[in-house]
């Protein structure tokens, strides 16, 4: 097998109800690029590991201490020049890899995310709107951890995902302070909003959006 151009890194802990659809969407990619799938299992007690093997993914047993640690562990094992981090409940479209790789390379980017569709309660739609319409316009764009496409060298340069709350926010803002990042609105992924609570992710998204509110107003 040729060395992969892209490595999909999927952290998963007790995700048997969702992981199969995610891996099936990756398996259905329509692309000429070589890619691999690395599933980092966070000490699951359900069928997560069996499903990963079913799709011939490289299976790594993580510590389950945090999603940041498991993403970093997957990146260490991955072989691709580019790393595509998706969560175990995120599904990609068949053109995802080709379009995202073309976008970052043609624009000289270190990392990018794309448009998303969130399923679940009404609060998920607020998160969806914030990700799609606010995050791309921030001075330092926030790239949500369930959908990050990043060059390995850039990932290593900033030290991967830090062991802090909202690790994807900290990672993407640190990255954007040093290297160019952006959003590609023409690509769509679908992710579950099941973890979103009233004062959880929704509040976090609003907090970081307001950090750049004056710049956003000035640009309209």
Protein backbone atom coordinates (compact mmCIF):
# COMPACT_ATOMS: atom_id res chain seq x y z
CA UNK A 1 0.00 0.00 0.00
CA UNK A 2 1.30 3.51 -0.78
CA UNK A 3 1.98 5.92 2.03
CA UNK A 4 -1.27 7.76 2.77
CA UNK A 5 -1.68 11.38 1.77
CA UNK A 6 -4.23 11.82 4.56
CA UNK A 7 -4.81 10.08 7.87
CA UNK A 8 -8.28 10.21 9.39
CA UNK A 9 -8.00 10.21 13.18
CA UNK A 10 -11.18 9.19 14.99
CA UNK A 11 -11.27 9.19 18.81
CA UNK A 12 -13.98 6.89 20.13
CA UNK A 13 -15.13 5.83 23.56
CA UNK A 14 -18.27 3.68 23.72
CA UNK A 15 -19.37 4.93 20.29
CA UNK A 16 -20.82 1.72 18.89
CA UNK A 17 -24.12 3.47 18.13
CA UNK A 18 -22.43 6.02 15.87
CA UNK A 19 -19.01 4.79 14.75
CA UNK A 20 -20.21 2.46 12.00
CA UNK A 21 -21.87 5.30 10.07
CA UNK A 22 -18.77 7.46 10.43
CA UNK A 23 -16.41 4.78 9.17
CA UNK A 24 -18.81 3.86 6.38
CA UNK A 25 -18.81 7.48 5.19
CA UNK A 26 -15.01 7.50 5.10
CA UNK A 27 -14.94 4.16 3.28
CA UNK A 28 -17.27 5.65 0.65
CA UNK A 29 -14.93 8.54 -0.20
CA UNK A 30 -14.55 9.16 -3.92
CA UNK A 31 -10.91 10.11 -4.32
CA UNK A 32 -7.65 9.17 -5.99
CA UNK A 33 -5.69 10.14 -2.88
CA UNK A 34 -4.41 7.44 -0.57
CA UNK A 35 -5.75 7.58 2.97
CA UNK A 36 -5.86 5.59 6.17
CA UNK A 37 -8.17 5.53 9.17
CA UNK A 38 -6.86 5.48 12.73
CA UNK A 39 -9.41 4.82 15.48
CA UNK A 40 -8.24 5.63 18.99
CA UNK A 41 -10.35 3.67 21.45
CA UNK A 42 -10.68 5.28 24.86
CA UNK A 43 -11.15 2.07 26.85
CA UNK A 44 -14.59 1.29 25.44
CA UNK A 45 -16.78 -1.36 27.02
CA UNK A 46 -19.11 -1.74 24.04
CA UNK A 47 -18.53 -2.90 20.44
CA UNK A 48 -16.44 0.12 19.40
CA UNK A 49 -13.26 -1.90 18.84
CA UNK A 50 -15.04 -4.62 16.87
CA UNK A 51 -16.57 -2.01 14.55
CA UNK A 52 -13.19 -0.41 13.96
CA UNK A 53 -11.76 -3.79 12.97
CA UNK A 54 -14.76 -4.42 10.74
CA UNK A 55 -13.69 -1.43 8.64
CA UNK A 56 -9.99 -2.38 8.70
CA UNK A 57 -9.06 0.75 10.63
CA UNK A 58 -5.81 0.90 12.52
CA UNK A 59 -6.93 0.46 16.11
CA UNK A 60 -5.06 2.11 18.96
CA UNK A 61 -6.02 1.68 22.57
CA UNK A 62 -5.96 5.12 24.15
CA UNK A 63 -5.95 6.02 27.80
CA UNK A 64 -9.43 7.51 27.68
CA UNK A 65 -8.21 10.35 29.89
CA UNK A 66 -9.32 13.05 27.44
CA UNK A 67 -10.30 13.48 23.82
CA UNK A 68 -7.27 15.74 23.36
CA UNK A 69 -4.91 12.99 24.52
CA UNK A 70 -6.57 10.43 22.27
CA UNK A 71 -6.42 12.73 19.23
CA UNK A 72 -2.73 13.33 19.89
CA UNK A 73 -2.10 9.62 20.32
CA UNK A 74 -3.78 8.96 16.98
CA UNK A 75 -1.70 11.64 15.28
CA UNK A 76 1.50 10.06 16.60
CA UNK A 77 0.58 6.74 15.01
CA UNK A 78 -0.75 8.21 11.74
CA UNK A 79 1.39 8.20 8.60
CA UNK A 80 -0.27 10.83 6.41
CA UNK A 81 1.14 14.22 5.47
CA UNK A 82 -2.26 15.65 6.37
CA UNK A 83 -4.37 14.78 9.42
CA UNK A 84 -8.17 14.83 9.23
CA UNK A 85 -9.66 14.78 12.71
CA UNK A 86 -13.30 13.73 12.79
CA UNK A 87 -15.33 12.52 15.74
CA UNK A 88 -17.01 9.14 15.96
CA UNK A 89 -20.41 10.70 15.26
CA UNK A 90 -19.33 12.83 12.27
CA UNK A 91 -20.08 11.78 8.70
CA UNK A 92 -18.27 13.12 5.65
CA UNK A 93 -19.50 13.46 2.09
CA UNK A 94 -17.87 11.40 -0.71
CA UNK A 95 -15.95 14.43 -2.04
CA UNK A 96 -14.69 15.56 1.37
CA UNK A 97 -11.08 14.46 1.07
CA UNK A 98 -10.47 15.62 -2.50
CA UNK A 99 -12.10 18.99 -1.97
CA UNK A 100 -10.49 19.72 1.39
CA UNK A 101 -7.03 18.71 0.25
CA UNK A 102 -7.39 20.78 -2.90
CA UNK A 103 -8.58 23.77 -0.86
CA UNK A 104 -5.75 23.81 1.67
CA UNK A 105 -3.03 23.19 -0.90
CA UNK A 106 -4.26 25.73 -3.46
CA UNK A 107 -4.58 28.40 -0.76
CA UNK A 108 -1.37 27.63 1.09
CA UNK A 109 -3.15 26.85 4.36
CA UNK A 110 -1.88 25.00 7.39
CA UNK A 111 -5.37 23.89 8.41
CA UNK A 112 -9.03 24.29 7.60
CA UNK A 113 -12.53 23.27 8.56
CA UNK A 114 -15.76 23.34 6.59
CA UNK A 115 -19.47 23.89 6.87
CA UNK A 116 -21.39 21.53 9.13
CA UNK A 117 -24.91 20.33 9.77
CA UNK A 118 -25.74 19.47 13.37
CA UNK A 119 -28.47 17.00 14.22
CA UNK A 120 -30.32 16.97 17.53
CA UNK A 121 -32.08 19.55 19.71
CA UNK A 122 -32.74 23.18 18.78
CA UNK A 123 -29.57 24.21 20.61
CA UNK A 124 -27.61 22.24 18.05
CA UNK A 125 -28.87 24.57 15.34
CA UNK A 126 -27.50 27.54 17.27
CA UNK A 127 -24.12 25.83 17.37
CA UNK A 128 -24.40 25.02 13.67
CA UNK A 129 -25.12 28.65 12.80
CA UNK A 130 -22.23 29.87 14.96
CA UNK A 131 -19.77 27.46 13.38
CA UNK A 132 -20.92 28.19 9.83
CA UNK A 133 -21.34 31.95 10.02
CA UNK A 134 -19.27 33.29 12.91
CA UNK A 135 -16.21 31.11 13.39
CA UNK A 136 -14.91 31.63 9.81
CA UNK A 137 -14.94 35.41 10.36
CA UNK A 138 -13.00 35.47 13.61
CA UNK A 139 -9.51 36.95 13.57
CA UNK A 140 -8.26 33.54 14.70
CA UNK A 141 -10.83 31.07 13.30
CA UNK A 142 -11.97 28.32 15.63
CA UNK A 143 -11.80 24.93 13.94
CA UNK A 144 -14.13 22.52 15.76
CA UNK A 145 -12.41 19.33 16.83
CA UNK A 146 -14.95 17.11 15.09
CA UNK A 147 -13.83 18.51 11.71
CA UNK A 148 -10.21 19.67 11.47
CA UNK A 149 -8.01 19.17 8.41
CA UNK A 150 -4.42 20.08 9.34
CA UNK A 151 -0.91 19.58 7.96
CA UNK A 152 1.16 17.29 10.15
CA UNK A 153 4.07 19.74 10.39
CA UNK A 154 1.72 22.51 11.56
CA UNK A 155 0.06 20.17 14.07
CA UNK A 156 3.43 19.24 15.52
CA UNK A 157 4.66 22.84 15.51
CA UNK A 158 1.94 23.92 17.94
CA UNK A 159 2.21 20.78 20.04
CA UNK A 160 -1.09 19.17 19.11
CA UNK A 161 -4.25 19.50 21.18
CA UNK A 162 -3.47 20.93 24.64
CA UNK A 163 -4.80 19.23 27.81
CA UNK A 164 -7.28 21.99 28.65
CA UNK A 165 -11.07 22.44 28.49
CA UNK A 166 -12.25 23.33 24.97
CA UNK A 167 -9.04 21.91 23.62
CA UNK A 168 -10.04 22.41 19.98
CA UNK A 169 -10.58 26.14 20.57
CA UNK A 170 -7.20 26.51 22.24
CA UNK A 171 -5.52 24.47 19.52
CA UNK A 172 -7.05 26.29 16.57
CA UNK A 173 -6.47 29.79 17.95
CA UNK A 174 -2.86 28.98 18.79
CA UNK A 175 -2.41 27.59 15.30
CA UNK A 176 -4.05 30.60 13.62
CA UNK A 177 -1.77 33.02 15.45
CA UNK A 178 1.21 31.42 13.71
CA UNK A 179 -0.04 29.98 10.42
CA UNK A 180 -2.87 30.60 7.90
CA UNK A 181 -6.15 28.75 8.53
CA UNK A 182 -9.57 29.11 6.97
CA UNK A 183 -13.00 27.59 6.28
CA UNK A 184 -14.21 25.97 3.08
CA UNK A 185 -17.98 26.57 2.99
CA UNK A 186 -18.55 24.41 -0.08
CA UNK A 187 -17.80 21.21 1.85
CA UNK A 188 -20.33 19.84 4.33
CA UNK A 189 -20.05 17.34 7.18
CA UNK A 190 -22.85 16.16 9.44
CA UNK A 191 -22.31 15.71 13.16
CA UNK A 192 -24.47 14.85 16.15
CA UNK A 193 -25.51 17.58 18.58
CA UNK A 194 -26.22 15.06 21.34
CA UNK A 195 -23.58 16.43 23.72
CA UNK A 196 -24.72 20.02 23.54
CA UNK A 197 -26.22 21.33 26.80
CA UNK A 198 -27.69 24.72 27.65
CA UNK A 199 -24.54 26.02 29.31
CA UNK A 200 -22.04 23.70 27.63
CA UNK A 201 -20.79 24.04 24.10
CA UNK A 202 -23.39 26.66 23.22
CA UNK A 203 -22.11 29.03 25.90
CA UNK A 204 -18.53 28.37 24.90
CA UNK A 205 -19.23 29.17 21.25
CA UNK A 206 -20.91 32.44 22.18
CA UNK A 207 -18.08 33.41 24.53
CA UNK A 208 -15.40 33.03 21.90
CA UNK A 209 -17.51 34.63 19.21
CA UNK A 210 -17.85 37.77 21.33
CA UNK A 211 -14.08 38.03 21.61
CA UNK A 212 -14.06 39.16 17.98
CA UNK A 213 -17.44 40.85 17.78
CA UNK A 214 -16.11 44.34 17.06
CA UNK A 215 -13.96 43.08 14.20
CA UNK A 216 -16.92 41.15 12.80
CA UNK A 217 -19.12 44.27 12.95
CA UNK A 218 -16.47 46.31 11.21
CA UNK A 219 -16.24 43.84 8.36
CA UNK A 220 -19.97 43.97 7.54
